[in-house]
């Protein structure tokens, strides 16, 4: 994993790869949003439901290929594995302080 990732992003990736839903949720601010291909999940309860069905619940693995800062966000390209979607994805993270405000997933 790149050493220069913002701490909240690094924690989120570690939690996802460790299949630790509680640690994953703690990475988001209270009104945090996951935007998964245009479907938005806001707040811990909605994010947990999405993650249980489509992310950590399907034993996601994220093999980070690159990370860079772009337009005020951290953009991570990863190869996704697990029992759900498999293939390349781009994750864009908006960070506020020590928490993630928004995680956007696209191709």
PDB file of N, CA and C in Angstrom:
ATOM      1  N   UNK A   1       0.852  -1.170   0.000  1.00  0.00           N
ATOM      2  CA  UNK A   1       0.000   0.000   0.000  1.00  0.00           C
ATOM      3  C   UNK A   1       0.899   1.236   0.000  1.00  0.00           C
ATOM      4  N   UNK A   2       0.560   2.243  -0.809  1.00  0.00           N
ATOM      5  CA  UNK A   2       1.394   3.449  -0.843  1.00  0.00           C
ATOM      6  C   UNK A   2       1.515   4.094   0.531  1.00  0.00           C
ATOM      7  N   UNK A   3       2.705   4.532   0.862  1.00  0.00           N
ATOM      8  CA  UNK A   3       2.974   5.110   2.181  1.00  0.00           C
ATOM      9  C   UNK A   3       2.377   6.502   2.348  1.00  0.00           C
ATOM     10  N   UNK A   4       2.086   7.191   1.250  1.00  0.00           N
ATOM     11  CA  UNK A   4       1.635   8.577   1.340  1.00  0.00           C
ATOM     12  C   UNK A   4       0.114   8.731   1.342  1.00  0.00           C
ATOM     13  N   UNK A   5      -0.620   7.661   1.579  1.00  0.00           N
ATOM     14  CA  UNK A   5      -2.076   7.771   1.670  1.00  0.00           C
ATOM     15  C   UNK A   5      -2.471   8.532   2.927  1.00  0.00           C
ATOM     16  N   UNK A   6      -3.518   9.359   2.859  1.00  0.00           N
ATOM     17  CA  UNK A   6      -4.032   9.968   4.086  1.00  0.00           C
ATOM     18  C   UNK A   6      -4.418   8.862   5.065  1.00  0.00           C
ATOM     19  N   UNK A   7      -4.202   9.095   6.345  1.00  0.00           N
ATOM     20  CA  UNK A   7      -4.444   8.073   7.369  1.00  0.00           C
ATOM     21  C   UNK A   7      -5.856   7.492   7.309  1.00  0.00           C
ATOM     22  N   UNK A   8      -6.921   8.298   7.126  1.00  0.00           N
ATOM     23  CA  UNK A   8      -8.262   7.698   7.083  1.00  0.00           C
ATOM     24  C   UNK A   8      -8.440   6.727   5.907  1.00  0.00           C
ATOM     25  N   UNK A   9      -7.819   7.029   4.779  1.00  0.00           N
ATOM     26  CA  UNK A   9      -7.924   6.157   3.608  1.00  0.00           C
ATOM     27  C   UNK A   9      -7.161   4.862   3.870  1.00  0.00           C
ATOM     28  N   UNK A  10      -5.968   4.975   4.415  1.00  0.00           N
ATOM     29  CA  UNK A  10      -5.193   3.769   4.739  1.00  0.00           C
ATOM     30  C   UNK A  10      -5.949   2.892   5.730  1.00  0.00           C
ATOM     31  N   UNK A  11      -6.562   3.511   6.758  1.00  0.00           N
ATOM     32  CA  UNK A  11      -7.330   2.736   7.737  1.00  0.00           C
ATOM     33  C   UNK A  11      -8.520   2.034   7.079  1.00  0.00           C
ATOM     34  N   UNK A  12      -9.218   2.735   6.178  1.00  0.00           N
ATOM     35  CA  UNK A  12     -10.362   2.142   5.506  1.00  0.00           C
ATOM     36  C   UNK A  12      -9.930   0.944   4.665  1.00  0.00           C
ATOM     37  N   UNK A  13      -8.850   1.075   3.915  1.00  0.00           N
ATOM     38  CA  UNK A  13      -8.382  -0.032   3.087  1.00  0.00           C
ATOM     39  C   UNK A  13      -7.966  -1.225   3.945  1.00  0.00           C
ATOM     40  N   UNK A  14      -7.304  -0.955   5.052  1.00  0.00           N
ATOM     41  CA  UNK A  14      -6.905  -2.031   5.966  1.00  0.00           C
ATOM     42  C   UNK A  14      -8.135  -2.713   6.563  1.00  0.00           C
ATOM     43  N   UNK A  15      -9.138  -1.939   6.954  1.00  0.00           N
ATOM     44  CA  UNK A  15     -10.357  -2.510   7.529  1.00  0.00           C
ATOM     45  C   UNK A  15     -11.091  -3.362   6.496  1.00  0.00           C
ATOM     46  N   UNK A  16     -11.167  -2.872   5.264  1.00  0.00           N
ATOM     47  CA  UNK A  16     -11.843  -3.636   4.212  1.00  0.00           C
ATOM     48  C   UNK A  16     -11.111  -4.948   3.964  1.00  0.00           C
ATOM     49  N   UNK A  17      -9.811  -4.888   3.807  1.00  0.00           N
ATOM     50  CA  UNK A  17      -9.032  -6.103   3.552  1.00  0.00           C
ATOM     51  C   UNK A  17      -9.030  -7.043   4.751  1.00  0.00           C
ATOM     52  N   UNK A  18      -9.223  -6.505   5.955  1.00  0.00           N
ATOM     53  CA  UNK A  18      -9.295  -7.322   7.157  1.00  0.00           C
ATOM     54  C   UNK A  18     -10.708  -7.792   7.478  1.00  0.00           C
ATOM     55  N   UNK A  19     -11.662  -7.423   6.620  1.00  0.00           N
ATOM     56  CA  UNK A  19     -13.076  -7.791   6.777  1.00  0.00           C
ATOM     57  C   UNK A  19     -13.629  -7.362   8.137  1.00  0.00           C
ATOM     58  N   UNK A  20     -13.222  -6.146   8.553  1.00  0.00           N
ATOM     59  CA  UNK A  20     -13.628  -5.591   9.850  1.00  0.00           C
ATOM     60  C   UNK A  20     -14.635  -4.462   9.614  1.00  0.00           C
ATOM     61  N   UNK A  21     -15.909  -4.822   9.623  1.00  0.00           N
ATOM     62  CA  UNK A  21     -16.959  -3.848   9.314  1.00  0.00           C
ATOM     63  C   UNK A  21     -16.979  -2.687  10.295  1.00  0.00           C
ATOM     64  N   UNK A  22     -16.824  -2.964  11.584  1.00  0.00           N
ATOM     65  CA  UNK A  22     -16.865  -1.878  12.569  1.00  0.00           C
ATOM     66  C   UNK A  22     -15.735  -0.885  12.337  1.00  0.00           C
ATOM     67  N   UNK A  23     -14.523  -1.373  12.097  1.00  0.00           N
ATOM     68  CA  UNK A  23     -13.394  -0.477  11.819  1.00  0.00           C
ATOM     69  C   UNK A  23     -13.627   0.290  10.521  1.00  0.00           C
ATOM     70  N   UNK A  24     -14.215  -0.364   9.521  1.00  0.00           N
ATOM     71  CA  UNK A  24     -14.535   0.280   8.250  1.00  0.00           C
ATOM     72  C   UNK A  24     -15.481   1.448   8.474  1.00  0.00           C
ATOM     73  N   UNK A  25     -16.544   1.212   9.235  1.00  0.00           N
ATOM     74  CA  UNK A  25     -17.531   2.259   9.491  1.00  0.00           C
ATOM     75  C   UNK A  25     -16.942   3.418  10.288  1.00  0.00           C
ATOM     76  N   UNK A  26     -16.018   3.145  11.186  1.00  0.00           N
ATOM     77  CA  UNK A  26     -15.396   4.194  11.990  1.00  0.00           C
ATOM     78  C   UNK A  26     -14.540   5.135  11.158  1.00  0.00           C
ATOM     79  N   UNK A  27     -14.221   4.758   9.939  1.00  0.00           N
ATOM     80  CA  UNK A  27     -13.426   5.621   9.064  1.00  0.00           C
ATOM     81  C   UNK A  27     -14.244   6.783   8.505  1.00  0.00           C
ATOM     82  N   UNK A  28     -15.571   6.661   8.532  1.00  0.00           N
ATOM     83  CA  UNK A  28     -16.448   7.681   7.954  1.00  0.00           C
ATOM     84  C   UNK A  28     -16.923   8.668   9.012  1.00  0.00           C
ATOM     85  N   UNK A  29     -17.112   9.931   8.587  1.00  0.00           N
ATOM     86  CA  UNK A  29     -17.769  10.877   9.470  1.00  0.00           C
ATOM     87  C   UNK A  29     -19.235  10.482   9.578  1.00  0.00           C
ATOM     88  N   UNK A  30     -19.958  11.037  10.537  1.00  0.00           N
ATOM     89  CA  UNK A  30     -21.336  10.622  10.835  1.00  0.00           C
ATOM     90  C   UNK A  30     -22.237  10.644   9.603  1.00  0.00           C
ATOM     91  N   UNK A  31     -22.138  11.663   8.785  1.00  0.00           N
ATOM     92  CA  UNK A  31     -22.966  11.759   7.578  1.00  0.00           C
ATOM     93  C   UNK A  31     -22.241  11.291   6.335  1.00  0.00           C
ATOM     94  N   UNK A  32     -21.247  10.437   6.511  1.00  0.00           N
ATOM     95  CA  UNK A  32     -20.438   9.958   5.388  1.00  0.00           C
ATOM     96  C   UNK A  32     -21.285   9.257   4.334  1.00  0.00           C
ATOM     97  N   UNK A  33     -20.752   9.243   3.113  1.00  0.00           N
ATOM     98  CA  UNK A  33     -21.476   8.701   1.967  1.00  0.00           C
ATOM     99  C   UNK A  33     -20.593   7.712   1.217  1.00  0.00           C
ATOM    100  N   UNK A  34     -21.193   6.604   0.818  1.00  0.00           N
ATOM    101  CA  UNK A  34     -20.595   5.708  -0.169  1.00  0.00           C
ATOM    102  C   UNK A  34     -21.428   5.866  -1.432  1.00  0.00           C
ATOM    103  N   UNK A  35     -20.763   6.206  -2.529  1.00  0.00           N
ATOM    104  CA  UNK A  35     -21.399   6.309  -3.843  1.00  0.00           C
ATOM    105  C   UNK A  35     -20.851   5.151  -4.676  1.00  0.00           C
ATOM    106  N   UNK A  36     -21.662   4.118  -4.823  1.00  0.00           N
ATOM    107  CA  UNK A  36     -21.269   2.921  -5.559  1.00  0.00           C
ATOM    108  C   UNK A  36     -21.954   2.947  -6.918  1.00  0.00           C
ATOM    109  N   UNK A  37     -21.248   3.476  -7.903  1.00  0.00           N
ATOM    110  CA  UNK A  37     -21.763   3.579  -9.263  1.00  0.00           C
ATOM    111  C   UNK A  37     -23.090   4.338  -9.315  1.00  0.00           C
ATOM    112  N   UNK A  38     -23.179   5.434  -8.560  1.00  0.00           N
ATOM    113  CA  UNK A  38     -24.363   6.288  -8.590  1.00  0.00           C
ATOM    114  C   UNK A  38     -25.410   5.965  -7.532  1.00  0.00           C
ATOM    115  N   UNK A  39     -25.259   4.834  -6.866  1.00  0.00           N
ATOM    116  CA  UNK A  39     -26.160   4.511  -5.753  1.00  0.00           C
ATOM    117  C   UNK A  39     -25.502   5.038  -4.491  1.00  0.00           C
ATOM    118  N   UNK A  40     -26.193   5.922  -3.787  1.00  0.00           N
ATOM    119  CA  UNK A  40     -25.609   6.552  -2.600  1.00  0.00           C
ATOM    120  C   UNK A  40     -26.177   5.958  -1.318  1.00  0.00           C
ATOM    121  N   UNK A  41     -25.268   5.726  -0.369  1.00  0.00           N
ATOM    122  CA  UNK A  41     -25.598   5.195   0.946  1.00  0.00           C
ATOM    123  C   UNK A  41     -25.029   6.174   1.959  1.00  0.00           C
ATOM    124  N   UNK A  42     -25.892   6.801   2.750  1.00  0.00           N
ATOM    125  CA  UNK A  42     -25.495   7.869   3.647  1.00  0.00           C
ATOM    126  C   UNK A  42     -25.687   7.450   5.100  1.00  0.00           C
ATOM    127  N   UNK A  43     -24.646   7.660   5.901  1.00  0.00           N
ATOM    128  CA  UNK A  43     -24.694   7.358   7.323  1.00  0.00           C
ATOM    129  C   UNK A  43     -24.332   5.910   7.611  1.00  0.00           C
ATOM    130  N   UNK A  44     -23.997   5.648   8.871  1.00  0.00           N
ATOM    131  CA  UNK A  44     -23.475   4.333   9.236  1.00  0.00           C
ATOM    132  C   UNK A  44     -24.427   3.172   8.974  1.00  0.00           C
ATOM    133  N   UNK A  45     -25.706   3.341   9.213  1.00  0.00           N
ATOM    134  CA  UNK A  45     -26.646   2.237   9.020  1.00  0.00           C
ATOM    135  C   UNK A  45     -26.749   1.850   7.544  1.00  0.00           C
ATOM    136  N   UNK A  46     -26.873   2.845   6.675  1.00  0.00           N
ATOM    137  CA  UNK A  46     -26.981   2.580   5.234  1.00  0.00           C
ATOM    138  C   UNK A  46     -25.671   2.012   4.686  1.00  0.00           C
ATOM    139  N   UNK A  47     -24.543   2.565   5.136  1.00  0.00           N
ATOM    140  CA  UNK A  47     -23.250   2.061   4.669  1.00  0.00           C
ATOM    141  C   UNK A  47     -23.054   0.621   5.142  1.00  0.00           C
ATOM    142  N   UNK A  48     -23.430   0.315   6.378  1.00  0.00           N
ATOM    143  CA  UNK A  48     -23.314  -1.058   6.876  1.00  0.00           C
ATOM    144  C   UNK A  48     -24.144  -2.020   6.016  1.00  0.00           C
ATOM    145  N   UNK A  49     -25.386  -1.640   5.709  1.00  0.00           N
ATOM    146  CA  UNK A  49     -26.239  -2.493   4.887  1.00  0.00           C
ATOM    147  C   UNK A  49     -25.625  -2.768   3.528  1.00  0.00           C
ATOM    148  N   UNK A  50     -25.099  -1.716   2.897  1.00  0.00           N
ATOM    149  CA  UNK A  50     -24.426  -1.876   1.606  1.00  0.00           C
ATOM    150  C   UNK A  50     -23.209  -2.776   1.752  1.00  0.00           C
ATOM    151  N   UNK A  51     -22.378  -2.501   2.750  1.00  0.00           N
ATOM    152  CA  UNK A  51     -21.149  -3.272   2.935  1.00  0.00           C
ATOM    153  C   UNK A  51     -21.444  -4.738   3.233  1.00  0.00           C
ATOM    154  N   UNK A  52     -22.434  -4.998   4.069  1.00  0.00           N
ATOM    155  CA  UNK A  52     -22.773  -6.382   4.391  1.00  0.00           C
ATOM    156  C   UNK A  52     -23.183  -7.165   3.141  1.00  0.00           C
ATOM    157  N   UNK A  53     -23.878  -6.501   2.229  1.00  0.00           N
ATOM    158  CA  UNK A  53     -24.383  -7.171   1.031  1.00  0.00           C
ATOM    159  C   UNK A  53     -23.393  -7.186  -0.129  1.00  0.00           C
ATOM    160  N   UNK A  54     -22.519  -6.136  -0.208  1.00  0.00           N
ATOM    161  CA  UNK A  54     -21.753  -5.965  -1.441  1.00  0.00           C
ATOM    162  C   UNK A  54     -20.262  -5.684  -1.266  1.00  0.00           C
ATOM    163  N   UNK A  55     -19.782  -5.592  -0.037  1.00  0.00           N
ATOM    164  CA  UNK A  55     -18.380  -5.204   0.137  1.00  0.00           C
ATOM    165  C   UNK A  55     -17.722  -6.146   1.140  1.00  0.00           C
ATOM    166  N   UNK A  56     -17.680  -5.789   2.381  1.00  0.00           N
ATOM    167  CA  UNK A  56     -17.037  -6.651   3.371  1.00  0.00           C
ATOM    168  C   UNK A  56     -17.789  -7.969   3.521  1.00  0.00           C
ATOM    169  N   UNK A  57     -19.104  -7.945   3.396  1.00  0.00           N
ATOM    170  CA  UNK A  57     -19.904  -9.152   3.515  1.00  0.00           C
ATOM    171  C   UNK A  57     -19.627 -10.191   2.441  1.00  0.00           C
ATOM    172  N   UNK A  58     -19.042  -9.765   1.330  1.00  0.00           N
ATOM    173  CA  UNK A  58     -18.667 -10.708   0.268  1.00  0.00           C
ATOM    174  C   UNK A  58     -17.145 -10.875   0.223  1.00  0.00           C
ATOM    175  N   UNK A  59     -16.541 -10.638   1.383  1.00  0.00           N
ATOM    176  CA  UNK A  59     -15.092 -10.866   1.574  1.00  0.00           C
ATOM    177  C   UNK A  59     -14.239 -10.136   0.534  1.00  0.00           C
ATOM    178  N   UNK A  60     -14.514  -8.852   0.381  1.00  0.00           N
ATOM    179  CA  UNK A  60     -13.778  -8.031  -0.569  1.00  0.00           C
ATOM    180  C   UNK A  60     -12.281  -8.077  -0.278  1.00  0.00           C
ATOM    181  N   UNK A  61     -11.498  -7.967  -1.331  1.00  0.00           N
ATOM    182  CA  UNK A  61     -10.058  -7.717  -1.194  1.00  0.00           C
ATOM    183  C   UNK A  61      -9.709  -6.598  -2.160  1.00  0.00           C
ATOM    184  N   UNK A  62      -8.862  -5.701  -1.706  1.00  0.00           N
ATOM    185  CA  UNK A  62      -8.465  -4.549  -2.507  1.00  0.00           C
ATOM    186  C   UNK A  62      -6.948  -4.549  -2.641  1.00  0.00           C
ATOM    187  N   UNK A  63      -6.476  -4.828  -3.847  1.00  0.00           N
ATOM    188  CA  UNK A  63      -5.049  -4.818  -4.140  1.00  0.00           C
ATOM    189  C   UNK A  63      -4.741  -3.468  -4.793  1.00  0.00           C
ATOM    190  N   UNK A  64      -4.234  -2.535  -3.998  1.00  0.00           N
ATOM    191  CA  UNK A  64      -3.992  -1.172  -4.473  1.00  0.00           C
ATOM    192  C   UNK A  64      -2.885  -1.179  -5.521  1.00  0.00           C
ATOM    193  N   UNK A  65      -3.200  -0.595  -6.665  1.00  0.00           N
ATOM    194  CA  UNK A  65      -2.244  -0.500  -7.777  1.00  0.00           C
ATOM    195  C   UNK A  65      -1.608   0.879  -7.875  1.00  0.00           C
ATOM    196  N   UNK A  66      -2.391   1.918  -7.490  1.00  0.00           N
ATOM    197  CA  UNK A  66      -1.848   3.279  -7.515  1.00  0.00           C
ATOM    198  C   UNK A  66      -2.713   4.169  -6.639  1.00  0.00           C
ATOM    199  N   UNK A  67      -2.140   5.295  -6.238  1.00  0.00           N
ATOM    200  CA  UNK A  67      -2.867   6.296  -5.464  1.00  0.00           C
ATOM    201  C   UNK A  67      -2.290   7.656  -5.790  1.00  0.00           C
ATOM    202  N   UNK A  68      -3.171   8.643  -5.906  1.00  0.00           N
ATOM    203  CA  UNK A  68      -2.721  10.001  -6.190  1.00  0.00           C
ATOM    204  C   UNK A  68      -3.749  11.002  -5.693  1.00  0.00           C
ATOM    205  N   UNK A  69      -3.287  12.210  -5.465  1.00  0.00           N
ATOM    206  CA  UNK A  69      -4.185  13.307  -5.118  1.00  0.00           C
ATOM    207  C   UNK A  69      -4.669  13.932  -6.416  1.00  0.00           C
ATOM    208  N   UNK A  70      -5.978  14.194  -6.499  1.00  0.00           N
ATOM    209  CA  UNK A  70      -6.548  14.802  -7.695  1.00  0.00           C
ATOM    210  C   UNK A  70      -7.799  15.580  -7.310  1.00  0.00           C
ATOM    211  N   UNK A  71      -7.810  16.870  -7.631  1.00  0.00           N
ATOM    212  CA  UNK A  71      -8.982  17.717  -7.392  1.00  0.00           C
ATOM    213  C   UNK A  71      -9.480  17.654  -5.956  1.00  0.00           C
ATOM    214  N   UNK A  72      -8.570  17.681  -4.991  1.00  0.00           N
ATOM    215  CA  UNK A  72      -8.938  17.690  -3.584  1.00  0.00           C
ATOM    216  C   UNK A  72      -9.339  16.343  -3.024  1.00  0.00           C
ATOM    217  N   UNK A  73      -9.184  15.290  -3.797  1.00  0.00           N
ATOM    218  CA  UNK A  73      -9.545  13.952  -3.344  1.00  0.00           C
ATOM    219  C   UNK A  73      -8.330  13.038  -3.461  1.00  0.00           C
ATOM    220  N   UNK A  74      -8.406  11.895  -2.816  1.00  0.00           N
ATOM    221  CA  UNK A  74      -7.402  10.852  -2.982  1.00  0.00           C
ATOM    222  C   UNK A  74      -8.026   9.792  -3.878  1.00  0.00           C
ATOM    223  N   UNK A  75      -7.368   9.514  -4.993  1.00  0.00           N
ATOM    224  CA  UNK A  75      -7.879   8.548  -5.965  1.00  0.00           C
ATOM    225  C   UNK A  75      -7.013   7.298  -5.907  1.00  0.00           C
ATOM    226  N   UNK A  76      -7.664   6.181  -5.611  1.00  0.00           N
ATOM    227  CA  UNK A  76      -6.982   4.896  -5.468  1.00  0.00           C
ATOM    228  C   UNK A  76      -7.504   3.961  -6.549  1.00  0.00           C
ATOM    229  N   UNK A  77      -6.598   3.397  -7.313  1.00  0.00           N
ATOM    230  CA  UNK A  77      -6.964   2.368  -8.284  1.00  0.00           C
ATOM    231  C   UNK A  77      -6.584   1.034  -7.681  1.00  0.00           C
ATOM    232  N   UNK A  78      -7.545   0.102  -7.691  1.00  0.00           N
ATOM    233  CA  UNK A  78      -7.320  -1.188  -7.055  1.00  0.00           C
ATOM    234  C   UNK A  78      -7.933  -2.309  -7.882  1.00  0.00           C
ATOM    235  N   UNK A  79      -7.355  -3.475  -7.748  1.00  0.00           N
ATOM    236  CA  UNK A  79      -7.939  -4.695  -8.299  1.00  0.00           C
ATOM    237  C   UNK A  79      -8.797  -5.284  -7.186  1.00  0.00           C
ATOM    238  N   UNK A  80     -10.084  -5.416  -7.452  1.00  0.00           N
ATOM    239  CA  UNK A  80     -11.029  -5.897  -6.458  1.00  0.00           C
ATOM    240  C   UNK A  80     -11.206  -7.400  -6.626  1.00  0.00           C
ATOM    241  N   UNK A  81     -11.170  -8.101  -5.505  1.00  0.00           N
ATOM    242  CA  UNK A  81     -11.429  -9.533  -5.497  1.00  0.00           C
ATOM    243  C   UNK A  81     -12.443  -9.851  -4.425  1.00  0.00           C
ATOM    244  N   UNK A  82     -12.724 -11.108  -4.259  1.00  0.00           N
ATOM    245  CA  UNK A  82     -13.673 -11.562  -3.246  1.00  0.00           C
ATOM    246  C   UNK A  82     -14.790 -12.351  -3.886  1.00  0.00           C
ATOM    247  N   UNK A  83     -15.902 -12.468  -3.176  1.00  0.00           N
ATOM    248  CA  UNK A  83     -17.033 -13.249  -3.657  1.00  0.00           C
ATOM    249  C   UNK A  83     -18.103 -12.391  -4.323  1.00  0.00           C
ATOM    250  N   UNK A  84     -17.775 -11.144  -4.612  1.00  0.00           N
ATOM    251  CA  UNK A  84     -18.699 -10.245  -5.304  1.00  0.00           C
ATOM    252  C   UNK A  84     -18.056  -9.804  -6.606  1.00  0.00           C
ATOM    253  N   UNK A  85     -18.109  -8.505  -6.881  1.00  0.00           N
ATOM    254  CA  UNK A  85     -17.462  -7.951  -8.073  1.00  0.00           C
ATOM    255  C   UNK A  85     -15.974  -8.247  -8.027  1.00  0.00           C
ATOM    256  N   UNK A  86     -15.415  -8.614  -9.158  1.00  0.00           N
ATOM    257  CA  UNK A  86     -13.973  -8.801  -9.302  1.00  0.00           C
ATOM    258  C   UNK A  86     -13.508  -8.031 -10.527  1.00  0.00           C
ATOM    259  N   UNK A  87     -12.453  -7.259 -10.357  1.00  0.00           N
ATOM    260  CA  UNK A  87     -11.901  -6.511 -11.473  1.00  0.00           C
ATOM    261  C   UNK A  87     -11.389  -5.168 -11.014  1.00  0.00           C
ATOM    262  N   UNK A  88     -10.928  -4.358 -11.953  1.00  0.00           N
ATOM    263  CA  UNK A  88     -10.373  -3.050 -11.604  1.00  0.00           C
ATOM    264  C   UNK A  88     -11.468  -2.060 -11.227  1.00  0.00           C
ATOM    265  N   UNK A  89     -11.177  -1.246 -10.225  1.00  0.00           N
ATOM    266  CA  UNK A  89     -12.079  -0.166  -9.813  1.00  0.00           C
ATOM    267  C   UNK A  89     -11.265   1.029  -9.369  1.00  0.00           C
ATOM    268  N   UNK A  90     -11.902   2.172  -9.441  1.00  0.00           N
ATOM    269  CA  UNK A  90     -11.312   3.413  -8.964  1.00  0.00           C
ATOM    270  C   UNK A  90     -12.132   3.899  -7.779  1.00  0.00           C
ATOM    271  N   UNK A  91     -11.442   4.176  -6.686  1.00  0.00           N
ATOM    272  CA  UNK A  91     -12.061   4.677  -5.466  1.00  0.00           C
ATOM    273  C   UNK A  91     -11.569   6.102  -5.258  1.00  0.00           C
ATOM    274  N   UNK A  92     -12.490   7.027  -5.120  1.00  0.00           N
ATOM    275  CA  UNK A  92     -12.148   8.415  -4.849  1.00  0.00           C
ATOM    276  C   UNK A  92     -12.627   8.750  -3.440  1.00  0.00           C
ATOM    277  N   UNK A  93     -11.726   9.288  -2.621  1.00  0.00           N
ATOM    278  CA  UNK A  93     -12.027   9.578  -1.222  1.00  0.00           C
ATOM    279  C   UNK A  93     -11.931  11.073  -0.960  1.00  0.00           C
ATOM    280  N   UNK A  94     -12.996  11.638  -0.378  1.00  0.00           N
ATOM    281  CA  UNK A  94     -12.963  13.006   0.134  1.00  0.00           C
ATOM    282  C   UNK A  94     -12.775  12.887   1.640  1.00  0.00           C
ATOM    283  N   UNK A  95     -11.709  13.479   2.137  1.00  0.00           N
ATOM    284  CA  UNK A  95     -11.354  13.365   3.548  1.00  0.00           C
ATOM    285  C   UNK A  95     -11.574  14.707   4.228  1.00  0.00           C
ATOM    286  N   UNK A  96     -12.242  14.678   5.382  1.00  0.00           N
ATOM    287  CA  UNK A  96     -12.413  15.860   6.243  1.00  0.00           C
ATOM    288  C   UNK A  96     -11.748  15.533   7.570  1.00  0.00           C
ATOM    289  N   UNK A  97     -10.629  16.155   7.836  1.00  0.00           N
ATOM    290  CA  UNK A  97      -9.922  15.888   9.088  1.00  0.00           C
ATOM    291  C   UNK A  97      -9.442  14.456   9.145  1.00  0.00           C
ATOM    292  N   UNK A  98      -9.897  13.720  10.168  1.00  0.00           N
ATOM    293  CA  UNK A  98      -9.435  12.343  10.327  1.00  0.00           C
ATOM    294  C   UNK A  98     -10.505  11.323   9.911  1.00  0.00           C
ATOM    295  N   UNK A  99     -11.494  11.778   9.139  1.00  0.00           N
ATOM    296  CA  UNK A  99     -12.571  10.883   8.694  1.00  0.00           C
ATOM    297  C   UNK A  99     -12.826  11.065   7.202  1.00  0.00           C
ATOM    298  N   UNK A 100     -13.463  10.074   6.617  1.00  0.00           N
ATOM    299  CA  UNK A 100     -13.832  10.129   5.212  1.00  0.00           C
ATOM    300  C   UNK A 100     -15.258  10.661   5.112  1.00  0.00           C
ATOM    301  N   UNK A 101     -15.423  11.675   4.268  1.00  0.00           N
ATOM    302  CA  UNK A 101     -16.744  12.255   4.034  1.00  0.00           C
ATOM    303  C   UNK A 101     -17.467  11.504   2.916  1.00  0.00           C
ATOM    304  N   UNK A 102     -16.699  11.054   1.935  1.00  0.00           N
ATOM    305  CA  UNK A 102     -17.314  10.413   0.761  1.00  0.00           C
ATOM    306  C   UNK A 102     -16.332   9.436   0.128  1.00  0.00           C
ATOM    307  N   UNK A 103     -16.831   8.256  -0.202  1.00  0.00           N
ATOM    308  CA  UNK A 103     -16.081   7.277  -0.988  1.00  0.00           C
ATOM    309  C   UNK A 103     -16.898   7.010  -2.241  1.00  0.00           C
ATOM    310  N   UNK A 104     -16.315   7.302  -3.394  1.00  0.00           N
ATOM    311  CA  UNK A 104     -16.986   7.113  -4.670  1.00  0.00           C
ATOM    312  C   UNK A 104     -16.288   5.995  -5.422  1.00  0.00           C
ATOM    313  N   UNK A 105     -17.069   5.029  -5.901  1.00  0.00           N
ATOM    314  CA  UNK A 105     -16.527   3.873  -6.620  1.00  0.00           C
ATOM    315  C   UNK A 105     -16.983   3.932  -8.069  1.00  0.00           C
ATOM    316  N   UNK A 106     -16.020   3.822  -8.978  1.00  0.00           N
ATOM    317  CA  UNK A 106     -16.280   3.795 -10.410  1.00  0.00           C
ATOM    318  C   UNK A 106     -15.294   2.813 -11.071  1.00  0.00           C
ATOM    319  N   UNK A 107     -15.438   2.672 -12.384  1.00  0.00           N
ATOM    320  CA  UNK A 107     -14.542   1.787 -13.146  1.00  0.00           C
ATOM    321  C   UNK A 107     -13.129   2.333 -13.134  1.00  0.00           C
TER     322      UNK A 107
END
